[in-house]
C-alpha atoms as a PDB file:
ATOM      1  CA  UNK A   1     112.096  80.936 -72.808  1.00  0.00           C
ATOM      2  CA  UNK A   2     115.736  81.819 -72.567  1.00  0.00           C
ATOM      3  CA  UNK A   3     116.125  80.472 -69.052  1.00  0.00           C
ATOM      4  CA  UNK A   4     113.168  78.257 -68.147  1.00  0.00           C
ATOM      5  CA  UNK A   5     112.326  77.796 -64.489  1.00  0.00           C
ATOM      6  CA  UNK A   6     109.659  78.486 -61.923  1.00  0.00           C
ATOM      7  CA  UNK A   7     108.324  81.948 -61.159  1.00  0.00           C
ATOM      8  CA  UNK A   8     110.265  81.863 -57.882  1.00  0.00           C
ATOM      9  CA  UNK A   9     113.437  80.847 -59.714  1.00  0.00           C
ATOM     10  CA  UNK A  10     112.997  83.659 -62.229  1.00  0.00           C
ATOM     11  CA  UNK A  11     112.740  86.191 -59.430  1.00  0.00           C
ATOM     12  CA  UNK A  12     115.736  84.790 -57.556  1.00  0.00           C
ATOM     13  CA  UNK A  13     117.872  84.887 -60.714  1.00  0.00           C
ATOM     14  CA  UNK A  14     116.589  88.137 -62.243  1.00  0.00           C
ATOM     15  CA  UNK A  15     120.080  89.680 -62.063  1.00  0.00           C
ATOM     16  CA  UNK A  16     121.502  87.293 -64.690  1.00  0.00           C
ATOM     17  CA  UNK A  17     119.475  88.982 -67.431  1.00  0.00           C
ATOM     18  CA  UNK A  18     120.616  91.901 -69.557  1.00  0.00           C
ATOM     19  CA  UNK A  19     118.589  94.588 -67.812  1.00  0.00           C
ATOM     20  CA  UNK A  20     118.021  95.828 -64.266  1.00  0.00           C
ATOM     21  CA  UNK A  21     114.630  94.944 -62.831  1.00  0.00           C
ATOM     22  CA  UNK A  22     112.969  96.642 -59.900  1.00  0.00           C
ATOM     23  CA  UNK A  23     110.103  94.441 -58.681  1.00  0.00           C
ATOM     24  CA  UNK A  24     109.207  92.071 -55.883  1.00  0.00           C
ATOM     25  CA  UNK A  25     108.362  88.390 -56.118  1.00  0.00           C
ATOM     26  CA  UNK A  26     104.634  89.024 -55.527  1.00  0.00           C
ATOM     27  CA  UNK A  27     104.626  91.291 -58.609  1.00  0.00           C
ATOM     28  CA  UNK A  28     105.379  88.252 -60.769  1.00  0.00           C
ATOM     29  CA  UNK A  29     102.311  86.432 -59.496  1.00  0.00           C
ATOM     30  CA  UNK A  30     100.148  89.565 -59.858  1.00  0.00           C
ATOM     31  CA  UNK A  31     101.151  89.805 -63.526  1.00  0.00           C
ATOM     32  CA  UNK A  32      99.983  86.282 -64.429  1.00  0.00           C
ATOM     33  CA  UNK A  33      96.384  87.329 -65.174  1.00  0.00           C
ATOM     34  CA  UNK A  34      97.655  89.927 -67.640  1.00  0.00           C
ATOM     35  CA  UNK A  35      99.922  87.398 -69.333  1.00  0.00           C
ATOM     36  CA  UNK A  36      97.050  84.927 -69.461  1.00  0.00           C
ATOM     37  CA  UNK A  37      94.948  87.497 -71.319  1.00  0.00           C
ATOM     38  CA  UNK A  38      97.793  87.982 -73.812  1.00  0.00           C
ATOM     39  CA  UNK A  39      98.807  84.304 -74.063  1.00  0.00           C
ATOM     40  CA  UNK A  40      97.552  83.565 -77.579  1.00  0.00           C
ATOM     41  CA  UNK A  41      99.033  86.756 -79.017  1.00  0.00           C
ATOM     42  CA  UNK A  42     102.378  86.167 -77.262  1.00  0.00           C
ATOM     43  CA  UNK A  43     102.591  82.577 -78.495  1.00  0.00           C
ATOM     44  CA  UNK A  44     101.698  83.652 -82.040  1.00  0.00           C
ATOM     45  CA  UNK A  45     104.269  86.458 -81.954  1.00  0.00           C
ATOM     46  CA  UNK A  46     107.022  84.177 -80.600  1.00  0.00           C
ATOM     47  CA  UNK A  47     106.272  81.486 -83.175  1.00  0.00           C
ATOM     48  CA  UNK A  48     106.373  84.018 -86.015  1.00  0.00           C
ATOM     49  CA  UNK A  49     109.742  85.360 -84.811  1.00  0.00           C
ATOM     50  CA  UNK A  50     111.203  81.866 -84.439  1.00  0.00           C
ATOM     51  CA  UNK A  51     109.947  80.939 -87.909  1.00  0.00           C
ATOM     52  CA  UNK A  52     111.453  84.100 -89.414  1.00  0.00           C
ATOM     53  CA  UNK A  53     114.837  83.845 -87.686  1.00  0.00           C
ATOM     54  CA  UNK A  54     115.462  80.092 -87.506  1.00  0.00           C
ATOM     55  CA  UNK A  55     112.928  78.404 -89.750  1.00  0.00           C
ATOM     56  CA  UNK A  56     111.018  75.436 -88.441  1.00  0.00           C
ATOM     57  CA  UNK A  57     110.406  71.842 -89.400  1.00  0.00           C
ATOM     58  CA  UNK A  58     106.726  71.317 -88.533  1.00  0.00           C
ATOM     59  CA  UNK A  59     106.835  67.596 -89.340  1.00  0.00           C
ATOM     60  CA  UNK A  60     108.109  66.689 -85.878  1.00  0.00           C
ATOM     61  CA  UNK A  61     107.488  68.272 -82.479  1.00  0.00           C
ATOM     62  CA  UNK A  62     109.057  67.593 -79.097  1.00  0.00           C
ATOM     63  CA  UNK A  63     107.190  68.048 -75.847  1.00  0.00           C
ATOM     64  CA  UNK A  64     109.605  68.641 -72.983  1.00  0.00           C
ATOM     65  CA  UNK A  65     108.313  68.049 -69.462  1.00  0.00           C
ATOM     66  CA  UNK A  66     111.666  67.661 -67.743  1.00  0.00           C
ATOM     67  CA  UNK A  67     111.134  70.669 -65.493  1.00  0.00           C
ATOM     68  CA  UNK A  68     108.067  69.188 -63.756  1.00  0.00           C
ATOM     69  CA  UNK A  69     108.541  68.284 -60.108  1.00  0.00           C
ATOM     70  CA  UNK A  70     106.297  66.322 -57.792  1.00  0.00           C
ATOM     71  CA  UNK A  71     106.539  64.559 -54.457  1.00  0.00           C
ATOM     72  CA  UNK A  72     105.074  61.245 -53.407  1.00  0.00           C
ATOM     73  CA  UNK A  73     104.182  61.091 -49.730  1.00  0.00           C
ATOM     74  CA  UNK A  74     104.208  57.304 -49.543  1.00  0.00           C
ATOM     75  CA  UNK A  75     106.580  54.500 -50.420  1.00  0.00           C
ATOM     76  CA  UNK A  76     105.465  53.367 -53.866  1.00  0.00           C
ATOM     77  CA  UNK A  77     106.876  49.871 -53.374  1.00  0.00           C
ATOM     78  CA  UNK A  78     104.860  49.070 -50.241  1.00  0.00           C
ATOM     79  CA  UNK A  79     101.471  50.343 -51.424  1.00  0.00           C
ATOM     80  CA  UNK A  80      99.036  47.798 -52.777  1.00  0.00           C
ATOM     81  CA  UNK A  81      96.629  48.820 -55.494  1.00  0.00           C
END
């Protein structure tokens, strides 16, 4: 949450964080099932901490999808639908 990016990006930039980490990139992917099992509890915990520390206006929510990336393998302007 502090530095959003892909799993690969997190591994490549792990040294910018406040602690020393000793793991390989494949360890990140192996951990995803465990995080999936904890997802609801982690989200609830994070929301409670944010609410306690910062407060929250629940009248309006923003959905940010700016970090999504995709490629189109054809020229969109020459394709007929």
